[in-house]
Amino acid sequence: MQKFKDRWEIQANWQLLFPLLGLLGLSISSFLLSKRLVSGILKLTETHSFYFASITIVTILVFTLLLVFTLKIFGPLEKKWNVTYRWELIAIFIAFAVTGSTAARISDPIIQLIGFDTESTSGWIYWPLRILLIFPVYQILLLIVGWIFGQFKFFWWFEKKMLRRMGLARFIKD
């Protein structure tokens, strides 16, 4: 366990929460992707005799691929984002994932509250409007979720950098 703590630069036991949450999220994502792959590509349903075995095997493969990819990008992102500890990268990844999912989920009820839906509105109007709505919701949620995960400083820096690149620097107070 000490080797694991040293590798991820964990000083306090509560920081172990982030690698555990990261592995849990990666497992759930792998399982959901595997269900889609097995149902969509292999055209298997729960009535097939080897459906659950297929899900298990594909889940393990997807989990392994996602874990290898994630671990490979840690080095470059650690330098680029200038984080103090490696476990903070996991917290940042989780915050991005939670924020993206939440923004996508709440944008639909908000757009319906405004009076738009997929049945009565052209897709050429609905989707750009929804994307425009998701953007500010995402920005606000990113700061809130970043604060919850103890990474407000990083996400505030990230927001300012993004707004500058978009030419909206006049709205930033340093």
N, C-alpha and C. Protein backbone atom coordinates (compact mmCIF):
# COMPACT_ATOMS: atom_id res chain seq x y z
N MET A 1 0.83 -1.20 0.00
CA MET A 1 0.00 0.00 0.00
C MET A 1 0.88 1.26 0.00
N GLN A 2 1.99 1.19 0.71
CA GLN A 2 2.88 2.35 0.77
C GLN A 2 3.45 2.67 -0.62
N LYS A 3 3.72 1.62 -1.39
CA LYS A 3 4.21 1.82 -2.75
C LYS A 3 3.19 2.60 -3.59
N PHE A 4 1.92 2.21 -3.44
CA PHE A 4 0.82 2.88 -4.15
C PHE A 4 0.73 4.35 -3.73
N LYS A 5 0.81 4.59 -2.42
CA LYS A 5 0.74 5.96 -1.91
C LYS A 5 1.90 6.80 -2.42
N ASP A 6 3.07 6.20 -2.45
CA ASP A 6 4.25 6.94 -2.94
C ASP A 6 4.11 7.26 -4.43
N ARG A 7 3.62 6.29 -5.21
CA ARG A 7 3.48 6.50 -6.65
C ARG A 7 2.52 7.64 -6.96
N TRP A 8 1.44 7.75 -6.21
CA TRP A 8 0.43 8.78 -6.47
C TRP A 8 0.59 10.00 -5.56
N GLU A 9 1.70 10.04 -4.81
CA GLU A 9 2.04 11.17 -3.95
C GLU A 9 0.93 11.47 -2.95
N ILE A 10 0.42 10.43 -2.32
CA ILE A 10 -0.66 10.55 -1.35
C ILE A 10 -0.05 10.70 0.04
N GLN A 11 -0.37 11.82 0.70
CA GLN A 11 0.15 12.08 2.04
C GLN A 11 -0.84 11.72 3.14
N ALA A 12 -2.13 11.82 2.86
CA ALA A 12 -3.17 11.54 3.86
C ALA A 12 -4.10 10.45 3.32
N ASN A 13 -4.64 9.65 4.21
CA ASN A 13 -5.50 8.54 3.79
C ASN A 13 -6.75 9.00 3.03
N TRP A 14 -7.27 10.20 3.35
CA TRP A 14 -8.47 10.66 2.65
C TRP A 14 -8.21 10.86 1.16
N GLN A 15 -6.97 11.07 0.77
CA GLN A 15 -6.63 11.26 -0.63
C GLN A 15 -6.74 9.96 -1.43
N LEU A 16 -6.80 8.82 -0.74
CA LEU A 16 -7.01 7.53 -1.40
C LEU A 16 -8.39 7.47 -2.06
N LEU A 17 -9.29 8.35 -1.63
CA LEU A 17 -10.63 8.41 -2.19
C LEU A 17 -10.59 8.64 -3.71
N PHE A 18 -9.67 9.49 -4.16
CA PHE A 18 -9.63 9.84 -5.58
C PHE A 18 -9.22 8.66 -6.48
N PRO A 19 -8.15 7.91 -6.16
CA PRO A 19 -7.88 6.73 -7.00
C PRO A 19 -9.01 5.70 -6.95
N LEU A 20 -9.64 5.54 -5.78
CA LEU A 20 -10.75 4.59 -5.68
C LEU A 20 -11.94 5.04 -6.53
N LEU A 21 -12.28 6.33 -6.45
CA LEU A 21 -13.37 6.86 -7.28
C LEU A 21 -13.01 6.77 -8.76
N GLY A 22 -11.77 7.01 -9.09
CA GLY A 22 -11.33 6.91 -10.48
C GLY A 22 -11.48 5.50 -11.02
N LEU A 23 -11.06 4.51 -10.24
CA LEU A 23 -11.20 3.11 -10.66
C LEU A 23 -12.67 2.71 -10.74
N LEU A 24 -13.47 3.18 -9.81
CA LEU A 24 -14.91 2.88 -9.83
C LEU A 24 -15.56 3.48 -11.08
N GLY A 25 -15.25 4.74 -11.37
CA GLY A 25 -15.80 5.40 -12.56
C GLY A 25 -15.34 4.73 -13.84
N LEU A 26 -14.07 4.32 -13.88
CA LEU A 26 -13.54 3.62 -15.04
C LEU A 26 -14.22 2.27 -15.22
N SER A 27 -14.50 1.59 -14.11
CA SER A 27 -15.19 0.29 -14.17
C SER A 27 -16.61 0.45 -14.69
N ILE A 28 -17.33 1.43 -14.17
CA ILE A 28 -18.71 1.66 -14.61
C ILE A 28 -18.74 2.06 -16.08
N SER A 29 -17.85 2.95 -16.47
CA SER A 29 -17.77 3.36 -17.88
C SER A 29 -17.46 2.18 -18.78
N SER A 30 -16.53 1.34 -18.36
CA SER A 30 -16.17 0.15 -19.15
C SER A 30 -17.35 -0.79 -19.30
N PHE A 31 -18.09 -0.98 -18.22
CA PHE A 31 -19.25 -1.86 -18.26
C PHE A 31 -20.32 -1.31 -19.20
N LEU A 32 -20.62 -0.01 -19.09
CA LEU A 32 -21.65 0.58 -19.95
C LEU A 32 -21.23 0.56 -21.41
N LEU A 33 -19.97 0.86 -21.69
CA LEU A 33 -19.48 0.78 -23.07
C LEU A 33 -19.55 -0.66 -23.59
N SER A 34 -19.23 -1.62 -22.75
CA SER A 34 -19.26 -3.03 -23.14
C SER A 34 -20.67 -3.48 -23.46
N LYS A 35 -21.64 -3.04 -22.67
CA LYS A 35 -23.03 -3.39 -22.96
C LYS A 35 -23.43 -2.87 -24.33
N ARG A 36 -23.03 -1.63 -24.64
CA ARG A 36 -23.34 -1.05 -25.95
C ARG A 36 -22.65 -1.82 -27.07
N LEU A 37 -21.38 -2.15 -26.87
CA LEU A 37 -20.63 -2.87 -27.88
C LEU A 37 -21.21 -4.26 -28.14
N VAL A 38 -21.49 -4.99 -27.06
CA VAL A 38 -22.01 -6.35 -27.21
C VAL A 38 -23.40 -6.33 -27.84
N SER A 39 -24.23 -5.40 -27.42
CA SER A 39 -25.58 -5.31 -27.99
C SER A 39 -25.56 -4.77 -29.41
N GLY A 40 -24.74 -3.77 -29.68
CA GLY A 40 -24.72 -3.12 -30.98
C GLY A 40 -23.94 -3.85 -32.04
N ILE A 41 -22.72 -4.25 -31.73
CA ILE A 41 -21.86 -4.87 -32.73
C ILE A 41 -22.11 -6.38 -32.83
N LEU A 42 -22.15 -7.04 -31.67
CA LEU A 42 -22.35 -8.49 -31.68
C LEU A 42 -23.82 -8.88 -31.78
N LYS A 43 -24.71 -7.90 -31.59
CA LYS A 43 -26.16 -8.13 -31.68
C LYS A 43 -26.64 -9.21 -30.70
N LEU A 44 -26.02 -9.23 -29.52
CA LEU A 44 -26.44 -10.19 -28.50
C LEU A 44 -27.42 -9.54 -27.54
N THR A 45 -28.34 -10.31 -27.03
CA THR A 45 -29.28 -9.84 -26.01
C THR A 45 -29.13 -10.72 -24.79
N GLU A 46 -29.84 -10.37 -23.73
CA GLU A 46 -29.74 -11.13 -22.49
C GLU A 46 -30.23 -12.57 -22.64
N THR A 47 -30.96 -12.87 -23.71
CA THR A 47 -31.46 -14.23 -23.93
C THR A 47 -30.38 -15.16 -24.48
N HIS A 48 -29.31 -14.60 -25.04
CA HIS A 48 -28.22 -15.44 -25.56
C HIS A 48 -27.46 -16.07 -24.40
N SER A 49 -27.02 -17.29 -24.61
CA SER A 49 -26.38 -18.04 -23.53
C SER A 49 -25.04 -17.45 -23.10
N PHE A 50 -24.30 -16.83 -23.99
CA PHE A 50 -23.00 -16.29 -23.61
C PHE A 50 -22.99 -14.75 -23.55
N TYR A 51 -24.15 -14.15 -23.36
CA TYR A 51 -24.26 -12.69 -23.26
C TYR A 51 -23.44 -12.16 -22.08
N PHE A 52 -23.64 -12.75 -20.90
CA PHE A 52 -22.96 -12.23 -19.70
C PHE A 52 -21.46 -12.50 -19.74
N ALA A 53 -21.07 -13.63 -20.32
CA ALA A 53 -19.64 -13.91 -20.49
C ALA A 53 -19.03 -12.89 -21.45
N SER A 54 -19.75 -12.57 -22.52
CA SER A 54 -19.27 -11.58 -23.48
C SER A 54 -19.12 -10.21 -22.83
N ILE A 55 -20.13 -9.83 -22.05
CA ILE A 55 -20.07 -8.54 -21.34
C ILE A 55 -18.85 -8.50 -20.42
N THR A 56 -18.62 -9.57 -19.70
CA THR A 56 -17.50 -9.63 -18.76
C THR A 56 -16.16 -9.50 -19.49
N ILE A 57 -15.99 -10.26 -20.56
CA ILE A 57 -14.73 -10.24 -21.31
C ILE A 57 -14.50 -8.87 -21.94
N VAL A 58 -15.53 -8.31 -22.57
CA VAL A 58 -15.40 -7.00 -23.21
C VAL A 58 -15.17 -5.92 -22.17
N THR A 59 -15.81 -6.03 -21.01
CA THR A 59 -15.60 -5.05 -19.93
C THR A 59 -14.15 -5.06 -19.47
N ILE A 60 -13.59 -6.23 -19.31
CA ILE A 60 -12.18 -6.32 -18.89
C ILE A 60 -11.27 -5.72 -19.95
N LEU A 61 -11.54 -6.00 -21.21
CA LEU A 61 -10.72 -5.44 -22.29
C LEU A 61 -10.84 -3.92 -22.36
N VAL A 62 -12.06 -3.42 -22.30
CA VAL A 62 -12.27 -1.96 -22.36
C VAL A 62 -11.65 -1.28 -21.14
N PHE A 63 -11.82 -1.87 -19.95
CA PHE A 63 -11.23 -1.31 -18.73
C PHE A 63 -9.72 -1.22 -18.88
N THR A 64 -9.10 -2.28 -19.38
CA THR A 64 -7.64 -2.31 -19.54
C THR A 64 -7.19 -1.24 -20.53
N LEU A 65 -7.88 -1.13 -21.67
CA LEU A 65 -7.52 -0.11 -22.66
C LEU A 65 -7.67 1.30 -22.11
N LEU A 66 -8.78 1.56 -21.43
CA LEU A 66 -9.00 2.90 -20.86
C LEU A 66 -7.99 3.22 -19.77
N LEU A 67 -7.65 2.21 -18.95
CA LEU A 67 -6.68 2.42 -17.88
C LEU A 67 -5.29 2.73 -18.46
N VAL A 68 -4.88 1.97 -19.46
CA VAL A 68 -3.58 2.21 -20.09
C VAL A 68 -3.54 3.60 -20.72
N PHE A 69 -4.60 3.96 -21.45
CA PHE A 69 -4.66 5.29 -22.07
C PHE A 69 -4.59 6.40 -21.01
N THR A 70 -5.38 6.24 -19.95
CA THR A 70 -5.42 7.25 -18.89
C THR A 70 -4.05 7.41 -18.23
N LEU A 71 -3.40 6.31 -17.94
CA LEU A 71 -2.09 6.38 -17.29
C LEU A 71 -1.04 6.98 -18.22
N LYS A 72 -1.17 6.77 -19.52
CA LYS A 72 -0.22 7.35 -20.47
C LYS A 72 -0.33 8.87 -20.55
N ILE A 73 -1.52 9.41 -20.39
CA ILE A 73 -1.67 10.86 -20.50
C ILE A 73 -1.39 11.58 -19.19
N PHE A 74 -1.17 10.84 -18.10
CA PHE A 74 -0.88 11.49 -16.83
C PHE A 74 0.39 12.31 -16.88
N GLY A 75 1.47 11.76 -17.44
CA GLY A 75 2.75 12.46 -17.48
C GLY A 75 2.67 13.81 -18.19
N PRO A 76 2.22 13.82 -19.45
CA PRO A 76 2.14 15.10 -20.15
C PRO A 76 1.19 16.10 -19.48
N LEU A 77 0.05 15.61 -18.98
CA LEU A 77 -0.90 16.55 -18.36
C LEU A 77 -0.39 17.07 -17.02
N GLU A 78 0.36 16.25 -16.30
CA GLU A 78 0.94 16.68 -15.03
C GLU A 78 1.86 17.88 -15.24
N LYS A 79 2.63 17.83 -16.32
CA LYS A 79 3.53 18.95 -16.64
C LYS A 79 2.75 20.14 -17.19
N LYS A 80 1.82 19.87 -18.10
CA LYS A 80 1.06 20.95 -18.75
C LYS A 80 0.20 21.73 -17.76
N TRP A 81 -0.46 20.99 -16.87
CA TRP A 81 -1.37 21.64 -15.93
C TRP A 81 -0.67 22.06 -14.64
N ASN A 82 0.59 21.70 -14.48
CA ASN A 82 1.38 22.12 -13.34
C ASN A 82 0.71 21.80 -11.99
N VAL A 83 0.28 20.55 -11.83
CA VAL A 83 -0.34 20.14 -10.56
C VAL A 83 0.75 19.77 -9.57
N THR A 84 0.45 19.90 -8.30
CA THR A 84 1.42 19.62 -7.25
C THR A 84 1.57 18.13 -7.01
N TYR A 85 0.46 17.40 -6.95
CA TYR A 85 0.48 15.97 -6.65
C TYR A 85 -0.24 15.19 -7.74
N ARG A 86 0.21 13.96 -7.98
CA ARG A 86 -0.39 13.14 -9.03
C ARG A 86 -1.84 12.79 -8.74
N TRP A 87 -2.21 12.61 -7.48
CA TRP A 87 -3.59 12.27 -7.15
C TRP A 87 -4.54 13.40 -7.55
N GLU A 88 -4.02 14.61 -7.64
CA GLU A 88 -4.86 15.73 -8.04
C GLU A 88 -5.36 15.58 -9.48
N LEU A 89 -4.55 14.93 -10.34
CA LEU A 89 -5.00 14.69 -11.71
C LEU A 89 -6.25 13.82 -11.74
N ILE A 90 -6.29 12.84 -10.84
CA ILE A 90 -7.48 11.98 -10.78
C ILE A 90 -8.68 12.81 -10.35
N ALA A 91 -8.50 13.67 -9.35
CA ALA A 91 -9.59 14.54 -8.90
C ALA A 91 -10.05 15.45 -10.04
N ILE A 92 -9.11 15.95 -10.82
CA ILE A 92 -9.44 16.83 -11.95
C ILE A 92 -10.22 16.06 -13.02
N PHE A 93 -9.76 14.85 -13.35
CA PHE A 93 -10.48 14.02 -14.33
C PHE A 93 -11.90 13.74 -13.87
N ILE A 94 -12.05 13.40 -12.59
CA ILE A 94 -13.39 13.10 -12.06
C ILE A 94 -14.27 14.34 -12.12
N ALA A 95 -13.71 15.49 -11.77
CA ALA A 95 -14.48 16.73 -11.83
C ALA A 95 -14.93 17.04 -13.25
N PHE A 96 -14.05 16.84 -14.23
CA PHE A 96 -14.44 17.04 -15.63
C PHE A 96 -15.57 16.09 -16.02
N ALA A 97 -15.46 14.84 -15.62
CA ALA A 97 -16.48 13.83 -15.98
C ALA A 97 -17.83 14.17 -15.35
N VAL A 98 -17.82 14.49 -14.07
CA VAL A 98 -19.07 14.82 -13.37
C VAL A 98 -19.70 16.07 -13.96
N THR A 99 -18.88 17.06 -14.25
CA THR A 99 -19.39 18.32 -14.80
C THR A 99 -20.00 18.11 -16.18
N GLY A 100 -19.31 17.39 -17.05
CA GLY A 100 -19.83 17.16 -18.39
C GLY A 100 -21.14 16.40 -18.38
N SER A 101 -21.20 15.36 -17.58
CA SER A 101 -22.42 14.56 -17.49
C SER A 101 -23.57 15.38 -16.92
N THR A 102 -23.28 16.14 -15.88
CA THR A 102 -24.32 16.94 -15.24
C THR A 102 -24.83 18.04 -16.17
N ALA A 103 -23.93 18.72 -16.85
CA ALA A 103 -24.35 19.78 -17.78
C ALA A 103 -25.22 19.23 -18.89
N ALA A 104 -24.85 18.07 -19.42
CA ALA A 104 -25.65 17.46 -20.49
C ALA A 104 -27.03 17.05 -19.97
N ARG A 105 -27.07 16.54 -18.74
CA ARG A 105 -28.35 16.10 -18.16
C ARG A 105 -29.30 17.26 -17.87
N ILE A 106 -28.76 18.35 -17.33
CA ILE A 106 -29.67 19.43 -16.92
C ILE A 106 -30.00 20.39 -18.07
N SER A 107 -29.25 20.32 -19.17
CA SER A 107 -29.55 21.23 -20.27
C SER A 107 -30.88 20.89 -20.94
N ASP A 108 -31.24 19.61 -21.00
CA ASP A 108 -32.50 19.24 -21.64
C ASP A 108 -33.72 19.78 -20.90
N PRO A 109 -33.82 19.60 -19.57
CA PRO A 109 -34.97 20.19 -18.87
C PRO A 109 -35.00 21.72 -18.96
N ILE A 110 -33.83 22.35 -18.97
CA ILE A 110 -33.79 23.81 -19.06
C ILE A 110 -34.30 24.26 -20.43
N ILE A 111 -33.86 23.59 -21.48
CA ILE A 111 -34.29 23.99 -22.83
C ILE A 111 -35.78 23.70 -23.02
N GLN A 112 -36.30 22.65 -22.40
CA GLN A 112 -37.73 22.38 -22.46
C GLN A 112 -38.52 23.41 -21.67
N LEU A 113 -37.96 23.89 -20.57
CA LEU A 113 -38.60 24.94 -19.77
C LEU A 113 -38.73 26.22 -20.60
N ILE A 114 -37.75 26.49 -21.44
CA ILE A 114 -37.79 27.65 -22.32
C ILE A 114 -38.86 27.47 -23.40
N GLY A 115 -39.18 26.21 -23.71
CA GLY A 115 -40.23 25.96 -24.68
C GLY A 115 -39.78 25.25 -25.94
N PHE A 116 -38.58 24.71 -25.95
CA PHE A 116 -38.08 23.99 -27.11
C PHE A 116 -37.99 22.50 -26.79
N ASP A 117 -38.33 21.67 -27.75
CA ASP A 117 -38.11 20.22 -27.63
C ASP A 117 -37.85 19.64 -29.01
N THR A 118 -37.40 18.39 -29.04
CA THR A 118 -37.01 17.79 -30.32
C THR A 118 -38.19 17.53 -31.25
N GLU A 119 -39.39 17.41 -30.70
CA GLU A 119 -40.56 17.14 -31.54
C GLU A 119 -41.05 18.39 -32.27
N SER A 120 -41.04 19.53 -31.60
CA SER A 120 -41.62 20.73 -32.19
C SER A 120 -40.59 21.71 -32.76
N THR A 121 -39.32 21.44 -32.55
CA THR A 121 -38.28 22.36 -33.01
C THR A 121 -37.36 21.64 -33.99
N SER A 122 -37.00 22.31 -35.05
CA SER A 122 -36.06 21.75 -36.02
C SER A 122 -34.74 21.44 -35.34
N GLY A 123 -34.12 20.35 -35.77
CA GLY A 123 -32.81 19.98 -35.23
C GLY A 123 -31.76 21.04 -35.48
N TRP A 124 -31.94 21.80 -36.58
CA TRP A 124 -31.00 22.88 -36.91
C TRP A 124 -31.09 24.02 -35.91
N ILE A 125 -32.18 24.13 -35.20
CA ILE A 125 -32.33 25.17 -34.18
C ILE A 125 -32.09 24.56 -32.79
N TYR A 126 -32.67 23.40 -32.56
CA TYR A 126 -32.62 22.76 -31.23
C TYR A 126 -31.19 22.48 -30.77
N TRP A 127 -30.38 21.79 -31.61
CA TRP A 127 -29.06 21.38 -31.17
C TRP A 127 -28.09 22.55 -30.98
N PRO A 128 -28.02 23.52 -31.90
CA PRO A 128 -27.14 24.67 -31.61
C PRO A 128 -27.58 25.43 -30.35
N LEU A 129 -28.90 25.54 -30.17
CA LEU A 129 -29.41 26.21 -28.98
C LEU A 129 -29.02 25.44 -27.72
N ARG A 130 -29.15 24.13 -27.78
CA ARG A 130 -28.79 23.31 -26.61
C ARG A 130 -27.30 23.41 -26.32
N ILE A 131 -26.47 23.40 -27.34
CA ILE A 131 -25.02 23.53 -27.15
C ILE A 131 -24.68 24.89 -26.57
N LEU A 132 -25.33 25.94 -27.08
CA LEU A 132 -25.11 27.28 -26.52
C LEU A 132 -25.56 27.36 -25.07
N LEU A 133 -26.59 26.62 -24.72
CA LEU A 133 -27.08 26.60 -23.34
C LEU A 133 -26.14 25.80 -22.44
N ILE A 134 -25.63 24.69 -22.96
CA ILE A 134 -24.74 23.84 -22.16
C ILE A 134 -23.46 24.60 -21.80
N PHE A 135 -22.94 25.41 -22.70
CA PHE A 135 -21.66 26.07 -22.47
C PHE A 135 -21.61 26.88 -21.16
N PRO A 136 -22.50 27.86 -20.94
CA PRO A 136 -22.41 28.60 -19.68
C PRO A 136 -22.74 27.74 -18.45
N VAL A 137 -23.66 26.80 -18.62
CA VAL A 137 -23.99 25.89 -17.52
C VAL A 137 -22.75 25.09 -17.14
N TYR A 138 -22.05 24.60 -18.15
CA TYR A 138 -20.83 23.82 -17.93
C TYR A 138 -19.77 24.64 -17.20
N GLN A 139 -19.59 25.89 -17.61
CA GLN A 139 -18.57 26.73 -17.00
C GLN A 139 -18.83 26.95 -15.51
N ILE A 140 -20.08 27.21 -15.18
CA ILE A 140 -20.44 27.43 -13.78
C ILE A 140 -20.30 26.14 -12.98
N LEU A 141 -20.81 25.05 -13.55
CA LEU A 141 -20.71 23.75 -12.87
C LEU A 141 -19.26 23.33 -12.67
N LEU A 142 -18.41 23.64 -13.64
CA LEU A 142 -17.00 23.26 -13.55
C LEU A 142 -16.35 23.88 -12.32
N LEU A 143 -16.66 25.13 -12.06
CA LEU A 143 -16.11 25.78 -10.87
C LEU A 143 -16.69 25.19 -9.58
N ILE A 144 -17.98 24.90 -9.58
CA ILE A 144 -18.62 24.34 -8.40
C ILE A 144 -18.09 22.94 -8.10
N VAL A 145 -18.08 22.09 -9.12
CA VAL A 145 -17.59 20.71 -8.93
C VAL A 145 -16.10 20.72 -8.61
N GLY A 146 -15.34 21.59 -9.26
CA GLY A 146 -13.92 21.72 -8.95
C GLY A 146 -13.70 22.10 -7.51
N TRP A 147 -14.52 23.00 -6.99
CA TRP A 147 -14.43 23.39 -5.58
C TRP A 147 -14.76 22.21 -4.67
N ILE A 148 -15.80 21.44 -5.01
CA ILE A 148 -16.18 20.27 -4.21
C ILE A 148 -15.03 19.27 -4.15
N PHE A 149 -14.32 19.10 -5.26
CA PHE A 149 -13.20 18.15 -5.29
C PHE A 149 -11.88 18.77 -4.85
N GLY A 150 -11.93 19.97 -4.31
CA GLY A 150 -10.73 20.62 -3.78
C GLY A 150 -9.78 21.14 -4.84
N GLN A 151 -10.29 21.41 -6.04
CA GLN A 151 -9.44 21.84 -7.15
C GLN A 151 -9.90 23.18 -7.73
N PHE A 152 -10.49 24.02 -6.89
CA PHE A 152 -11.01 25.30 -7.39
C PHE A 152 -9.92 26.14 -8.05
N LYS A 153 -8.75 26.18 -7.44
CA LYS A 153 -7.66 26.99 -7.98
C LYS A 153 -7.32 26.56 -9.42
N PHE A 154 -7.22 25.26 -9.64
CA PHE A 154 -6.93 24.76 -10.98
C PHE A 154 -8.04 25.14 -11.96
N PHE A 155 -9.30 24.92 -11.56
CA PHE A 155 -10.39 25.17 -12.48
C PHE A 155 -10.61 26.66 -12.72
N TRP A 156 -10.30 27.49 -11.76
CA TRP A 156 -10.38 28.94 -11.99
C TRP A 156 -9.33 29.36 -13.01
N TRP A 157 -8.11 28.81 -12.88
CA TRP A 157 -7.06 29.06 -13.86
C TRP A 157 -7.50 28.55 -15.24
N PHE A 158 -8.08 27.35 -15.27
CA PHE A 158 -8.53 26.73 -16.53
C PHE A 158 -9.61 27.58 -17.19
N GLU A 159 -10.56 28.09 -16.43
CA GLU A 159 -11.64 28.95 -16.96
C GLU A 159 -11.07 30.24 -17.54
N LYS A 160 -10.18 30.87 -16.80
CA LYS A 160 -9.60 32.13 -17.29
C LYS A 160 -8.82 31.91 -18.59
N LYS A 161 -8.08 30.82 -18.64
CA LYS A 161 -7.31 30.49 -19.84
C LYS A 161 -8.25 30.28 -21.04
N MET A 162 -9.32 29.55 -20.82
CA MET A 162 -10.26 29.26 -21.90
C MET A 162 -10.96 30.53 -22.37
N LEU A 163 -11.39 31.36 -21.44
CA LEU A 163 -12.07 32.60 -21.82
C LEU A 163 -11.14 33.55 -22.57
N ARG A 164 -9.87 33.58 -22.18
CA ARG A 164 -8.90 34.40 -22.92
C ARG A 164 -8.76 33.91 -24.35
N ARG A 165 -8.69 32.60 -24.53
CA ARG A 165 -8.54 32.03 -25.88
C ARG A 165 -9.76 32.30 -26.74
N MET A 166 -10.91 32.48 -26.10
CA MET A 166 -12.13 32.74 -26.84
C MET A 166 -12.33 34.24 -27.10
N GLY A 167 -11.38 35.04 -26.62
CA GLY A 167 -11.49 36.48 -26.83
C GLY A 167 -12.41 37.17 -25.84
N LEU A 168 -12.67 36.51 -24.71
CA LEU A 168 -13.56 37.08 -23.71
C LEU A 168 -12.79 37.53 -22.47
N ALA A 169 -11.56 37.96 -22.65
CA ALA A 169 -10.69 38.35 -21.53
C ALA A 169 -11.24 39.54 -20.75
N ARG A 170 -12.05 40.36 -21.40
CA ARG A 170 -12.58 41.54 -20.69
C ARG A 170 -13.52 41.18 -19.57
N PHE A 171 -14.02 39.93 -19.57
CA PHE A 171 -14.94 39.51 -18.52
C PHE A 171 -14.22 38.89 -17.32
N ILE A 172 -12.90 38.83 -17.40
CA ILE A 172 -12.09 38.19 -16.35
C ILE A 172 -11.49 39.24 -15.44
N LYS A 173 -11.68 39.05 -14.17
CA LYS A 173 -11.03 39.89 -13.16
C LYS A 173 -9.95 39.05 -12.49
N ASP A 174 -8.68 39.44 -12.63
CA ASP A 174 -7.60 38.67 -12.01
C ASP A 174 -7.42 39.01 -10.58
